[in-house]
């Protein structure tokens, strides 16, 4: 089995960061849940609202890729590292689905995605340094917050936008499963102040990414 030098790993991480944050949408293992659905017409107000919401979701998936990559890089056990990598592969599907929907709506991703990726990778690496149980606790807390956030988006999305709603609903299911996986693997519950800071940070990201 080939071993990689620190430089090899660094270059691989840089390539991953560029590919996720500014590259084209990744190839998917699973087709979009909206692939077979009709693209119902939206008025301009509905279209702009949906673009903003799906841009936030796309940015959230950029952050998820970065968080999992940072956590995998600093995980103590091979098992946890494998679980992080598997979850990240599913998040790649989410990233592609959101990018595709934005393109269909003549929208664009957030211009600040490289910044979101870098900051999220750093947070993920710090969580990994704290130990596998705390890192898994971070996954569980993050995914529960994302699940709630996607619920809110389902309330906001236009009722006739079946494609966006199908994507968000499927993402919500997957995020809940990732949280359950973390608990099953021995996640430690994060202190309430830490979860509060996470929620505040995510809130800032959502407000900015909706517009920029």
N, C-alpha and C. Protein backbone atom coordinates (compact mmCIF):
# COMPACT_ATOMS: atom_id res chain seq x y z
N UNK A 1 0.85 -1.19 0.00
CA UNK A 1 0.00 0.00 0.00
C UNK A 1 0.89 1.25 0.00
N UNK A 2 0.58 2.17 -0.87
CA UNK A 2 1.40 3.37 -0.98
C UNK A 2 1.20 4.27 0.22
N UNK A 3 2.30 4.83 0.72
CA UNK A 3 2.24 5.82 1.80
C UNK A 3 2.47 7.21 1.20
N UNK A 4 1.74 8.17 1.74
CA UNK A 4 1.81 9.53 1.21
C UNK A 4 2.61 10.42 2.16
N UNK A 5 3.45 11.26 1.57
CA UNK A 5 4.22 12.21 2.37
C UNK A 5 3.31 13.33 2.84
N UNK A 6 3.84 14.13 3.78
CA UNK A 6 3.08 15.28 4.26
C UNK A 6 2.74 16.22 3.12
N UNK A 7 3.69 16.39 2.18
CA UNK A 7 3.45 17.28 1.03
C UNK A 7 2.35 16.71 0.14
N UNK A 8 2.38 15.38 -0.08
CA UNK A 8 1.32 14.75 -0.88
C UNK A 8 -0.05 15.02 -0.25
N UNK A 9 -0.13 14.82 1.05
CA UNK A 9 -1.40 15.02 1.76
C UNK A 9 -1.84 16.47 1.69
N UNK A 10 -0.87 17.39 1.83
CA UNK A 10 -1.19 18.82 1.77
C UNK A 10 -1.74 19.20 0.39
N UNK A 11 -1.11 18.68 -0.66
CA UNK A 11 -1.56 18.98 -2.02
C UNK A 11 -2.94 18.37 -2.27
N UNK A 12 -3.17 17.17 -1.73
CA UNK A 12 -4.48 16.54 -1.89
C UNK A 12 -5.57 17.35 -1.20
N UNK A 13 -5.26 17.87 -0.01
CA UNK A 13 -6.23 18.69 0.72
C UNK A 13 -6.51 19.99 -0.03
N UNK A 14 -5.46 20.59 -0.61
CA UNK A 14 -5.63 21.84 -1.36
C UNK A 14 -6.48 21.60 -2.61
N UNK A 15 -6.23 20.47 -3.28
CA UNK A 15 -7.03 20.13 -4.46
C UNK A 15 -8.49 19.93 -4.10
N UNK A 16 -8.72 19.25 -2.98
CA UNK A 16 -10.09 19.03 -2.51
C UNK A 16 -10.78 20.36 -2.20
N UNK A 17 -10.06 21.26 -1.55
CA UNK A 17 -10.63 22.56 -1.19
C UNK A 17 -11.04 23.35 -2.44
N UNK A 18 -10.16 23.37 -3.45
CA UNK A 18 -10.47 24.11 -4.68
C UNK A 18 -11.62 23.45 -5.44
N UNK A 19 -11.62 22.13 -5.48
CA UNK A 19 -12.66 21.41 -6.22
C UNK A 19 -14.03 21.65 -5.60
N UNK A 20 -14.10 21.64 -4.28
CA UNK A 20 -15.39 21.80 -3.61
C UNK A 20 -15.85 23.25 -3.61
N UNK A 21 -14.93 24.18 -3.35
CA UNK A 21 -15.35 25.58 -3.14
C UNK A 21 -15.54 26.38 -4.42
N UNK A 22 -14.75 26.09 -5.48
CA UNK A 22 -14.88 26.90 -6.69
C UNK A 22 -14.94 26.07 -7.97
N UNK A 23 -14.83 24.76 -7.85
CA UNK A 23 -14.84 23.91 -9.03
C UNK A 23 -16.24 23.62 -9.51
N UNK A 24 -16.34 22.85 -10.60
CA UNK A 24 -17.67 22.45 -11.10
C UNK A 24 -18.33 21.48 -10.13
N UNK A 25 -19.62 21.29 -10.27
CA UNK A 25 -20.34 20.36 -9.41
C UNK A 25 -19.74 18.96 -9.56
N UNK A 26 -19.53 18.26 -8.44
CA UNK A 26 -18.93 16.93 -8.52
C UNK A 26 -19.89 15.92 -9.15
N UNK A 27 -19.30 14.84 -9.70
CA UNK A 27 -20.13 13.74 -10.17
C UNK A 27 -20.80 13.10 -8.97
N UNK A 28 -21.98 12.57 -9.17
CA UNK A 28 -22.74 12.03 -8.05
C UNK A 28 -22.83 10.52 -8.11
N UNK A 29 -22.89 9.90 -6.94
CA UNK A 29 -23.15 8.47 -6.86
C UNK A 29 -24.65 8.21 -7.00
N UNK A 30 -25.46 9.14 -6.52
CA UNK A 30 -26.91 8.99 -6.56
C UNK A 30 -27.52 10.17 -7.30
N UNK A 31 -28.43 9.93 -8.22
CA UNK A 31 -29.06 11.04 -8.95
C UNK A 31 -29.90 11.90 -8.02
N UNK A 32 -30.12 13.13 -8.42
CA UNK A 32 -30.94 14.04 -7.64
C UNK A 32 -32.33 13.48 -7.45
N UNK A 33 -32.88 13.59 -6.25
CA UNK A 33 -34.27 13.14 -6.03
C UNK A 33 -35.28 13.94 -6.83
N UNK A 34 -34.81 15.06 -7.42
CA UNK A 34 -35.71 15.89 -8.22
C UNK A 34 -35.59 15.60 -9.72
N UNK A 35 -34.76 14.62 -10.08
CA UNK A 35 -34.43 14.40 -11.50
C UNK A 35 -35.66 14.13 -12.36
N UNK A 36 -36.62 13.38 -11.83
CA UNK A 36 -37.78 12.98 -12.63
C UNK A 36 -38.98 13.90 -12.43
N UNK A 37 -38.78 15.01 -11.74
CA UNK A 37 -39.90 15.89 -11.42
C UNK A 37 -40.05 17.02 -12.42
N UNK A 38 -41.25 17.52 -12.56
CA UNK A 38 -41.51 18.65 -13.43
C UNK A 38 -40.92 19.92 -12.81
N UNK A 39 -40.41 20.79 -13.68
CA UNK A 39 -39.88 22.07 -13.22
C UNK A 39 -40.99 23.10 -13.34
N UNK A 40 -41.81 23.21 -12.33
CA UNK A 40 -42.94 24.14 -12.37
C UNK A 40 -42.45 25.58 -12.45
N UNK A 41 -43.13 26.42 -13.22
CA UNK A 41 -42.70 27.83 -13.33
C UNK A 41 -42.86 28.56 -12.01
N UNK A 42 -41.88 29.41 -11.71
CA UNK A 42 -41.91 30.25 -10.52
C UNK A 42 -41.96 31.70 -10.96
N UNK A 43 -42.68 32.53 -10.21
CA UNK A 43 -42.62 33.96 -10.52
C UNK A 43 -41.27 34.50 -10.01
N UNK A 44 -40.97 35.75 -10.34
CA UNK A 44 -39.64 36.28 -10.05
C UNK A 44 -39.36 36.30 -8.55
N UNK A 45 -40.34 36.65 -7.75
CA UNK A 45 -40.15 36.67 -6.30
C UNK A 45 -39.85 35.27 -5.77
N UNK A 46 -40.58 34.29 -6.24
CA UNK A 46 -40.35 32.91 -5.81
C UNK A 46 -38.98 32.41 -6.27
N UNK A 47 -38.61 32.76 -7.49
CA UNK A 47 -37.31 32.33 -8.02
C UNK A 47 -36.16 32.91 -7.20
N UNK A 48 -36.24 34.19 -6.87
CA UNK A 48 -35.18 34.83 -6.10
C UNK A 48 -35.10 34.25 -4.68
N UNK A 49 -36.25 33.98 -4.09
CA UNK A 49 -36.28 33.37 -2.77
C UNK A 49 -35.61 31.99 -2.82
N UNK A 50 -35.99 31.19 -3.81
CA UNK A 50 -35.45 29.83 -3.90
C UNK A 50 -33.96 29.85 -4.18
N UNK A 51 -33.51 30.75 -5.03
CA UNK A 51 -32.07 30.86 -5.28
C UNK A 51 -31.33 31.16 -3.99
N UNK A 52 -31.84 32.11 -3.21
CA UNK A 52 -31.17 32.44 -1.94
C UNK A 52 -31.11 31.26 -1.00
N UNK A 53 -32.21 30.53 -0.88
CA UNK A 53 -32.25 29.38 0.02
C UNK A 53 -31.34 28.25 -0.46
N UNK A 54 -31.36 27.97 -1.76
CA UNK A 54 -30.51 26.90 -2.28
C UNK A 54 -29.04 27.30 -2.29
N UNK A 55 -28.75 28.59 -2.38
CA UNK A 55 -27.37 29.04 -2.24
C UNK A 55 -26.87 28.78 -0.81
N UNK A 56 -27.73 29.05 0.16
CA UNK A 56 -27.37 28.75 1.56
C UNK A 56 -27.12 27.26 1.73
N UNK A 57 -27.99 26.45 1.14
CA UNK A 57 -27.83 25.00 1.26
C UNK A 57 -26.56 24.52 0.58
N UNK A 58 -26.24 25.10 -0.57
CA UNK A 58 -25.00 24.75 -1.27
C UNK A 58 -23.80 25.11 -0.41
N UNK A 59 -23.83 26.30 0.19
CA UNK A 59 -22.73 26.70 1.07
C UNK A 59 -22.63 25.78 2.27
N UNK A 60 -23.78 25.37 2.80
CA UNK A 60 -23.77 24.43 3.91
C UNK A 60 -23.09 23.13 3.54
N UNK A 61 -23.26 22.68 2.30
CA UNK A 61 -22.61 21.45 1.87
C UNK A 61 -21.11 21.65 1.64
N UNK A 62 -20.71 22.84 1.20
CA UNK A 62 -19.29 23.16 1.13
C UNK A 62 -18.67 23.08 2.53
N UNK A 63 -19.37 23.66 3.49
CA UNK A 63 -18.89 23.62 4.88
C UNK A 63 -18.84 22.19 5.41
N UNK A 64 -19.84 21.39 5.06
CA UNK A 64 -19.87 20.00 5.52
C UNK A 64 -18.68 19.23 4.97
N UNK A 65 -18.36 19.42 3.68
CA UNK A 65 -17.19 18.76 3.11
C UNK A 65 -15.92 19.14 3.87
N UNK A 66 -15.81 20.44 4.17
CA UNK A 66 -14.62 20.92 4.87
C UNK A 66 -14.55 20.38 6.30
N UNK A 67 -15.68 20.39 7.00
CA UNK A 67 -15.71 19.89 8.37
C UNK A 67 -15.29 18.42 8.42
N UNK A 68 -15.88 17.61 7.54
CA UNK A 68 -15.56 16.19 7.54
C UNK A 68 -14.10 15.96 7.15
N UNK A 69 -13.59 16.74 6.20
CA UNK A 69 -12.19 16.59 5.79
C UNK A 69 -11.26 16.94 6.95
N UNK A 70 -11.56 18.04 7.65
CA UNK A 70 -10.73 18.43 8.80
C UNK A 70 -10.79 17.40 9.91
N UNK A 71 -11.97 16.85 10.17
CA UNK A 71 -12.12 15.86 11.22
C UNK A 71 -11.43 14.55 10.84
N UNK A 72 -11.54 14.14 9.57
CA UNK A 72 -10.88 12.92 9.13
C UNK A 72 -9.36 13.05 9.23
N UNK A 73 -8.85 14.25 8.93
CA UNK A 73 -7.40 14.45 8.97
C UNK A 73 -6.83 14.33 10.37
N UNK A 74 -7.64 14.59 11.39
CA UNK A 74 -7.13 14.57 12.77
C UNK A 74 -7.77 13.48 13.62
N UNK A 75 -8.54 12.59 13.00
CA UNK A 75 -9.19 11.50 13.74
C UNK A 75 -8.14 10.58 14.34
N UNK A 76 -8.44 10.05 15.53
CA UNK A 76 -7.50 9.16 16.21
C UNK A 76 -7.59 7.73 15.67
N UNK A 77 -8.78 7.27 15.31
CA UNK A 77 -8.95 5.89 14.89
C UNK A 77 -9.30 5.79 13.42
N UNK A 78 -8.87 4.69 12.79
CA UNK A 78 -9.19 4.46 11.39
C UNK A 78 -10.69 4.31 11.19
N UNK A 79 -11.38 3.74 12.16
CA UNK A 79 -12.82 3.52 12.03
C UNK A 79 -13.56 4.85 11.93
N UNK A 80 -13.23 5.78 12.81
CA UNK A 80 -13.88 7.09 12.77
C UNK A 80 -13.53 7.82 11.49
N UNK A 81 -12.27 7.68 11.06
CA UNK A 81 -11.85 8.32 9.81
C UNK A 81 -12.67 7.78 8.64
N UNK A 82 -12.92 6.48 8.63
CA UNK A 82 -13.71 5.87 7.56
C UNK A 82 -15.15 6.37 7.59
N UNK A 83 -15.72 6.48 8.79
CA UNK A 83 -17.10 6.97 8.92
C UNK A 83 -17.21 8.40 8.41
N UNK A 84 -16.21 9.23 8.72
CA UNK A 84 -16.22 10.62 8.26
C UNK A 84 -16.15 10.66 6.73
N UNK A 85 -15.31 9.82 6.16
CA UNK A 85 -15.16 9.80 4.70
C UNK A 85 -16.45 9.36 4.03
N UNK A 86 -17.14 8.38 4.60
CA UNK A 86 -18.39 7.89 4.03
C UNK A 86 -19.46 8.98 4.07
N UNK A 87 -19.56 9.68 5.21
CA UNK A 87 -20.52 10.78 5.30
C UNK A 87 -20.20 11.88 4.30
N UNK A 88 -18.90 12.16 4.13
CA UNK A 88 -18.49 13.19 3.18
C UNK A 88 -18.89 12.84 1.76
N UNK A 89 -18.82 11.55 1.40
CA UNK A 89 -19.24 11.14 0.06
C UNK A 89 -20.72 11.42 -0.18
N UNK A 90 -21.55 11.19 0.84
CA UNK A 90 -22.97 11.52 0.70
C UNK A 90 -23.17 13.02 0.57
N UNK A 91 -22.36 13.79 1.30
CA UNK A 91 -22.49 15.24 1.22
C UNK A 91 -22.10 15.74 -0.17
N UNK A 92 -21.23 15.00 -0.88
CA UNK A 92 -20.89 15.39 -2.25
C UNK A 92 -22.12 15.33 -3.15
N UNK A 93 -22.95 14.31 -2.94
CA UNK A 93 -24.21 14.25 -3.68
C UNK A 93 -25.06 15.49 -3.40
N UNK A 94 -25.16 15.83 -2.13
CA UNK A 94 -25.95 17.02 -1.75
C UNK A 94 -25.41 18.27 -2.45
N UNK A 95 -24.09 18.39 -2.45
CA UNK A 95 -23.44 19.55 -3.07
C UNK A 95 -23.80 19.63 -4.55
N UNK A 96 -23.74 18.49 -5.23
CA UNK A 96 -24.05 18.46 -6.66
C UNK A 96 -25.52 18.76 -6.92
N UNK A 97 -26.40 18.21 -6.08
CA UNK A 97 -27.84 18.47 -6.27
C UNK A 97 -28.15 19.96 -6.13
N UNK A 98 -27.56 20.59 -5.12
CA UNK A 98 -27.80 22.03 -4.90
C UNK A 98 -27.23 22.86 -6.04
N UNK A 99 -26.03 22.49 -6.51
CA UNK A 99 -25.41 23.21 -7.63
C UNK A 99 -26.26 23.09 -8.89
N UNK A 100 -26.78 21.90 -9.13
CA UNK A 100 -27.62 21.68 -10.30
C UNK A 100 -28.90 22.52 -10.22
N UNK A 101 -29.50 22.57 -9.04
CA UNK A 101 -30.74 23.34 -8.88
C UNK A 101 -30.48 24.83 -9.06
N UNK A 102 -29.37 25.32 -8.52
CA UNK A 102 -29.01 26.72 -8.71
C UNK A 102 -28.86 27.04 -10.19
N UNK A 103 -28.20 26.14 -10.92
CA UNK A 103 -28.01 26.36 -12.35
C UNK A 103 -29.34 26.40 -13.08
N UNK A 104 -30.26 25.50 -12.71
CA UNK A 104 -31.58 25.49 -13.34
C UNK A 104 -32.34 26.79 -13.11
N UNK A 105 -32.08 27.42 -11.97
CA UNK A 105 -32.77 28.67 -11.62
C UNK A 105 -32.00 29.90 -12.08
N UNK A 106 -30.90 29.70 -12.82
CA UNK A 106 -30.02 30.80 -13.24
C UNK A 106 -29.46 31.53 -12.02
N UNK A 107 -29.14 30.77 -10.98
CA UNK A 107 -28.52 31.32 -9.78
C UNK A 107 -27.04 30.95 -9.74
N UNK A 108 -26.38 31.37 -8.69
CA UNK A 108 -24.94 31.08 -8.53
C UNK A 108 -24.65 30.72 -7.09
N UNK A 109 -23.56 29.99 -6.86
CA UNK A 109 -23.14 29.70 -5.49
C UNK A 109 -22.63 30.97 -4.80
N UNK A 110 -22.39 30.87 -3.51
CA UNK A 110 -21.83 31.99 -2.76
C UNK A 110 -20.43 32.32 -3.25
N UNK A 111 -20.14 33.59 -3.40
CA UNK A 111 -18.81 34.03 -3.81
C UNK A 111 -17.78 33.81 -2.71
N UNK A 112 -18.25 33.57 -1.50
CA UNK A 112 -17.34 33.41 -0.36
C UNK A 112 -17.08 31.95 -0.01
N UNK A 113 -17.41 31.02 -0.91
CA UNK A 113 -17.23 29.61 -0.60
C UNK A 113 -15.81 29.22 -0.20
N UNK A 114 -14.76 29.79 -0.83
CA UNK A 114 -13.41 29.44 -0.36
C UNK A 114 -13.17 29.82 1.11
N UNK A 115 -13.74 30.95 1.52
CA UNK A 115 -13.61 31.37 2.93
C UNK A 115 -14.39 30.42 3.83
N UNK A 116 -15.61 30.07 3.42
CA UNK A 116 -16.40 29.13 4.23
C UNK A 116 -15.67 27.79 4.36
N UNK A 117 -15.05 27.34 3.27
CA UNK A 117 -14.35 26.05 3.31
C UNK A 117 -13.17 26.11 4.27
N UNK A 118 -12.35 27.15 4.15
CA UNK A 118 -11.16 27.25 4.99
C UNK A 118 -11.51 27.32 6.47
N UNK A 119 -12.50 28.12 6.81
CA UNK A 119 -12.87 28.26 8.22
C UNK A 119 -13.48 26.97 8.75
N UNK A 120 -14.28 26.29 7.94
CA UNK A 120 -14.91 25.05 8.39
C UNK A 120 -13.88 23.93 8.53
N UNK A 121 -12.91 23.88 7.63
CA UNK A 121 -11.86 22.87 7.74
C UNK A 121 -11.10 23.05 9.06
N UNK A 122 -10.79 24.30 9.40
CA UNK A 122 -10.07 24.57 10.65
C UNK A 122 -10.88 24.13 11.86
N UNK A 123 -12.18 24.41 11.83
CA UNK A 123 -13.05 24.01 12.94
C UNK A 123 -13.10 22.49 13.04
N UNK A 124 -13.23 21.82 11.88
CA UNK A 124 -13.26 20.36 11.88
C UNK A 124 -11.98 19.75 12.41
N UNK A 125 -10.84 20.33 12.03
CA UNK A 125 -9.56 19.82 12.51
C UNK A 125 -9.43 20.00 14.03
N UNK A 126 -9.88 21.13 14.54
CA UNK A 126 -9.84 21.35 15.98
C UNK A 126 -10.73 20.35 16.72
N UNK A 127 -11.91 20.07 16.13
CA UNK A 127 -12.80 19.08 16.75
C UNK A 127 -12.13 17.72 16.78
N UNK A 128 -11.42 17.38 15.71
CA UNK A 128 -10.72 16.10 15.67
C UNK A 128 -9.60 16.02 16.70
N UNK A 129 -8.88 17.11 16.89
CA UNK A 129 -7.80 17.15 17.88
C UNK A 129 -8.33 16.92 19.30
N UNK A 130 -9.58 17.30 19.53
CA UNK A 130 -10.17 17.15 20.86
C UNK A 130 -10.42 15.69 21.21
N UNK A 131 -10.39 14.81 20.21
CA UNK A 131 -10.63 13.39 20.45
C UNK A 131 -11.83 12.90 19.67
N UNK A 132 -11.84 11.61 19.36
CA UNK A 132 -12.88 11.07 18.49
C UNK A 132 -14.28 11.23 19.06
N UNK A 133 -14.44 11.02 20.35
CA UNK A 133 -15.79 11.14 20.92
C UNK A 133 -16.31 12.57 20.85
N UNK A 134 -15.43 13.53 21.11
CA UNK A 134 -15.84 14.93 21.00
C UNK A 134 -16.08 15.30 19.54
N UNK A 135 -15.25 14.76 18.63
CA UNK A 135 -15.43 15.03 17.21
C UNK A 135 -16.77 14.49 16.72
N UNK A 136 -17.12 13.28 17.17
CA UNK A 136 -18.42 12.72 16.83
C UNK A 136 -19.55 13.53 17.45
N UNK A 137 -19.31 14.05 18.64
CA UNK A 137 -20.30 14.93 19.26
C UNK A 137 -20.51 16.19 18.46
N UNK A 138 -19.44 16.68 17.86
CA UNK A 138 -19.55 17.85 17.00
C UNK A 138 -20.38 17.52 15.77
N UNK A 139 -20.17 16.32 15.20
CA UNK A 139 -20.98 15.89 14.05
C UNK A 139 -22.45 15.84 14.43
N UNK A 140 -22.74 15.21 15.57
CA UNK A 140 -24.13 15.06 15.99
C UNK A 140 -24.80 16.42 16.19
N UNK A 141 -24.11 17.34 16.87
CA UNK A 141 -24.69 18.66 17.12
C UNK A 141 -24.87 19.44 15.82
N UNK A 142 -23.88 19.35 14.93
CA UNK A 142 -23.97 20.06 13.65
C UNK A 142 -25.13 19.55 12.81
N UNK A 143 -25.24 18.22 12.72
CA UNK A 143 -26.28 17.65 11.87
C UNK A 143 -27.67 17.89 12.44
N UNK A 144 -27.81 17.93 13.76
CA UNK A 144 -29.13 18.25 14.33
C UNK A 144 -29.51 19.69 13.98
N UNK A 145 -28.53 20.60 14.04
CA UNK A 145 -28.82 21.99 13.69
C UNK A 145 -29.16 22.12 12.21
N UNK A 146 -28.45 21.37 11.36
CA UNK A 146 -28.73 21.41 9.92
C UNK A 146 -30.11 20.84 9.64
N UNK A 147 -30.47 19.76 10.33
CA UNK A 147 -31.79 19.17 10.17
C UNK A 147 -32.89 20.19 10.48
N UNK A 148 -32.71 20.96 11.55
CA UNK A 148 -33.68 21.99 11.91
C UNK A 148 -33.71 23.10 10.86
N UNK A 149 -32.55 23.48 10.39
CA UNK A 149 -32.44 24.52 9.37
C UNK A 149 -33.15 24.10 8.08
N UNK A 150 -33.01 22.84 7.67
CA UNK A 150 -33.67 22.36 6.46
C UNK A 150 -35.18 22.28 6.64
N UNK A 151 -35.60 21.96 7.86
CA UNK A 151 -37.03 22.00 8.16
C UNK A 151 -37.59 23.40 7.91
N UNK A 152 -36.84 24.40 8.36
CA UNK A 152 -37.26 25.80 8.18
C UNK A 152 -37.32 26.15 6.69
N UNK A 153 -36.36 25.65 5.91
CA UNK A 153 -36.38 25.92 4.48
C UNK A 153 -37.59 25.27 3.80
N UNK A 154 -37.98 24.10 4.26
CA UNK A 154 -39.16 23.45 3.69
C UNK A 154 -40.42 24.29 3.95
N UNK A 155 -40.42 25.01 5.05
CA UNK A 155 -41.54 25.90 5.33
C UNK A 155 -41.51 27.14 4.43
N UNK A 156 -40.32 27.56 4.02
CA UNK A 156 -40.17 28.79 3.24
C UNK A 156 -40.29 28.58 1.74
N UNK A 157 -39.84 27.42 1.25
CA UNK A 157 -39.82 27.20 -0.20
C UNK A 157 -41.24 27.24 -0.77
N UNK A 158 -41.38 27.78 -1.99
CA UNK A 158 -42.70 27.80 -2.62
C UNK A 158 -43.29 26.39 -2.72
N UNK A 159 -44.57 26.28 -2.47
CA UNK A 159 -45.23 24.97 -2.49
C UNK A 159 -45.13 24.29 -3.86
N UNK A 160 -45.12 25.09 -4.93
CA UNK A 160 -45.09 24.50 -6.27
C UNK A 160 -43.68 24.19 -6.76
N UNK A 161 -42.67 24.52 -5.95
CA UNK A 161 -41.28 24.20 -6.34
C UNK A 161 -40.96 22.79 -5.86
N UNK A 162 -41.48 21.81 -6.57
CA UNK A 162 -41.34 20.42 -6.15
C UNK A 162 -39.89 19.95 -6.20
N UNK A 163 -39.12 20.46 -7.15
CA UNK A 163 -37.73 20.02 -7.28
C UNK A 163 -36.90 20.43 -6.06
N UNK A 164 -36.95 21.68 -5.71
CA UNK A 164 -36.17 22.14 -4.56
C UNK A 164 -36.63 21.46 -3.28
N UNK A 165 -37.92 21.30 -3.14
CA UNK A 165 -38.46 20.68 -1.93
C UNK A 165 -38.01 19.22 -1.82
N UNK A 166 -37.96 18.51 -2.95
CA UNK A 166 -37.53 17.12 -2.92
C UNK A 166 -36.06 17.01 -2.52
N UNK A 167 -35.24 17.92 -3.02
CA UNK A 167 -33.81 17.91 -2.68
C UNK A 167 -33.62 18.18 -1.20
N UNK A 168 -34.28 19.21 -0.69
CA UNK A 168 -34.11 19.59 0.71
C UNK A 168 -34.64 18.48 1.63
N UNK A 169 -35.76 17.87 1.27
CA UNK A 169 -36.31 16.79 2.10
C UNK A 169 -35.36 15.60 2.17
N UNK A 170 -34.75 15.24 1.04
CA UNK A 170 -33.80 14.12 1.05
C UNK A 170 -32.56 14.46 1.84
N UNK A 171 -32.07 15.68 1.71
CA UNK A 171 -30.91 16.11 2.48
C UNK A 171 -31.21 16.02 3.98
N UNK A 172 -32.40 16.44 4.36
CA UNK A 172 -32.79 16.39 5.77
C UNK A 172 -32.73 14.95 6.30
N UNK A 173 -33.21 14.00 5.52
CA UNK A 173 -33.16 12.60 5.93
C UNK A 173 -31.72 12.13 6.13
N UNK A 174 -30.86 12.49 5.19
CA UNK A 174 -29.46 12.06 5.26
C UNK A 174 -28.74 12.68 6.45
N UNK A 175 -29.01 13.97 6.72
CA UNK A 175 -28.34 14.63 7.84
C UNK A 175 -28.76 13.99 9.17
N UNK A 176 -30.04 13.63 9.28
CA UNK A 176 -30.51 12.97 10.50
C UNK A 176 -29.80 11.63 10.68
N UNK A 177 -29.58 10.92 9.58
CA UNK A 177 -28.89 9.63 9.65
C UNK A 177 -27.45 9.81 10.07
N UNK A 178 -26.79 10.87 9.59
CA UNK A 178 -25.41 11.14 10.00
C UNK A 178 -25.33 11.42 11.50
N UNK A 179 -26.30 12.16 12.00
CA UNK A 179 -26.34 12.45 13.44
C UNK A 179 -26.53 11.16 14.24
N UNK A 180 -27.42 10.30 13.77
CA UNK A 180 -27.65 9.03 14.45
C UNK A 180 -26.38 8.17 14.42
N UNK A 181 -25.67 8.19 13.29
CA UNK A 181 -24.42 7.44 13.18
C UNK A 181 -23.41 7.89 14.23
N UNK A 182 -23.31 9.20 14.41
CA UNK A 182 -22.36 9.74 15.38
C UNK A 182 -22.71 9.27 16.80
N UNK A 183 -24.00 9.28 17.12
CA UNK A 183 -24.43 8.82 18.44
C UNK A 183 -24.10 7.35 18.63
N UNK A 184 -24.35 6.54 17.60
CA UNK A 184 -24.08 5.11 17.68
C UNK A 184 -22.59 4.82 17.87
N UNK A 185 -21.76 5.72 17.34
CA UNK A 185 -20.31 5.52 17.44
C UNK A 185 -19.73 6.07 18.74
N UNK A 186 -20.57 6.60 19.63
CA UNK A 186 -20.10 7.04 20.94
C UNK A 186 -19.89 8.53 21.08
N UNK A 187 -20.65 9.32 20.34
CA UNK A 187 -20.51 10.78 20.43
C UNK A 187 -20.77 11.28 21.84
N UNK A 188 -19.99 12.25 22.26
CA UNK A 188 -20.22 12.93 23.54
C UNK A 188 -21.02 14.21 23.27
N UNK A 189 -22.00 14.45 24.10
CA UNK A 189 -22.85 15.63 23.90
C UNK A 189 -22.06 16.90 24.21
N UNK A 190 -22.07 17.83 23.28
CA UNK A 190 -21.33 19.07 23.47
C UNK A 190 -22.04 19.96 24.50
N UNK A 191 -21.27 20.71 25.28
CA UNK A 191 -21.88 21.64 26.25
C UNK A 191 -22.77 22.67 25.54
N UNK A 192 -23.80 23.11 26.23
CA UNK A 192 -24.76 24.05 25.65
C UNK A 192 -24.10 25.33 25.12
N UNK A 193 -23.11 25.92 25.84
CA UNK A 193 -22.48 27.13 25.30
C UNK A 193 -21.79 26.90 23.96
N UNK A 194 -21.18 25.72 23.78
CA UNK A 194 -20.51 25.40 22.52
C UNK A 194 -21.55 25.28 21.41
N UNK A 195 -22.66 24.62 21.71
CA UNK A 195 -23.72 24.49 20.71
C UNK A 195 -24.31 25.86 20.37
N UNK A 196 -24.37 26.74 21.35
CA UNK A 196 -24.87 28.09 21.10
C UNK A 196 -23.96 28.86 20.16
N UNK A 197 -22.65 28.73 20.35
CA UNK A 197 -21.69 29.39 19.47
C UNK A 197 -21.79 28.83 18.05
N UNK A 198 -21.96 27.50 17.97
CA UNK A 198 -22.13 26.88 16.65
C UNK A 198 -23.36 27.42 15.94
N UNK A 199 -24.46 27.55 16.67
CA UNK A 199 -25.69 28.06 16.07
C UNK A 199 -25.53 29.51 15.63
N UNK A 200 -24.84 30.31 16.43
CA UNK A 200 -24.61 31.71 16.08
C UNK A 200 -23.76 31.82 14.82
N UNK A 201 -22.70 31.02 14.75
CA UNK A 201 -21.82 31.03 13.58
C UNK A 201 -22.58 30.61 12.33
N UNK A 202 -23.38 29.55 12.46
CA UNK A 202 -24.16 29.08 11.32
C UNK A 202 -25.17 30.14 10.88
N UNK A 203 -25.75 30.84 11.84
CA UNK A 203 -26.71 31.89 11.51
C UNK A 203 -26.08 33.01 10.70
N UNK A 204 -24.86 33.38 11.07
CA UNK A 204 -24.15 34.43 10.32
C UNK A 204 -23.88 33.96 8.90
N UNK A 205 -23.42 32.71 8.79
CA UNK A 205 -23.15 32.15 7.45
C UNK A 205 -24.40 32.20 6.59
N UNK A 206 -25.54 31.80 7.15
CA UNK A 206 -26.77 31.74 6.37
C UNK A 206 -27.19 33.12 5.87
N UNK A 207 -27.08 34.13 6.75
CA UNK A 207 -27.48 35.49 6.37
C UNK A 207 -26.59 36.01 5.24
N UNK A 208 -25.28 35.78 5.37
CA UNK A 208 -24.33 36.29 4.35
C UNK A 208 -24.46 35.52 3.06
N UNK A 209 -24.49 34.17 3.14
CA UNK A 209 -24.53 33.35 1.92
C UNK A 209 -25.82 33.56 1.14
N UNK A 210 -26.90 33.89 1.81
CA UNK A 210 -28.17 34.14 1.11
C UNK A 210 -28.02 35.27 0.10
N UNK A 211 -27.17 36.25 0.43
CA UNK A 211 -27.03 37.45 -0.39
C UNK A 211 -25.77 37.47 -1.27
N UNK A 212 -24.68 36.86 -0.77
CA UNK A 212 -23.39 36.99 -1.46
C UNK A 212 -22.91 35.63 -1.94
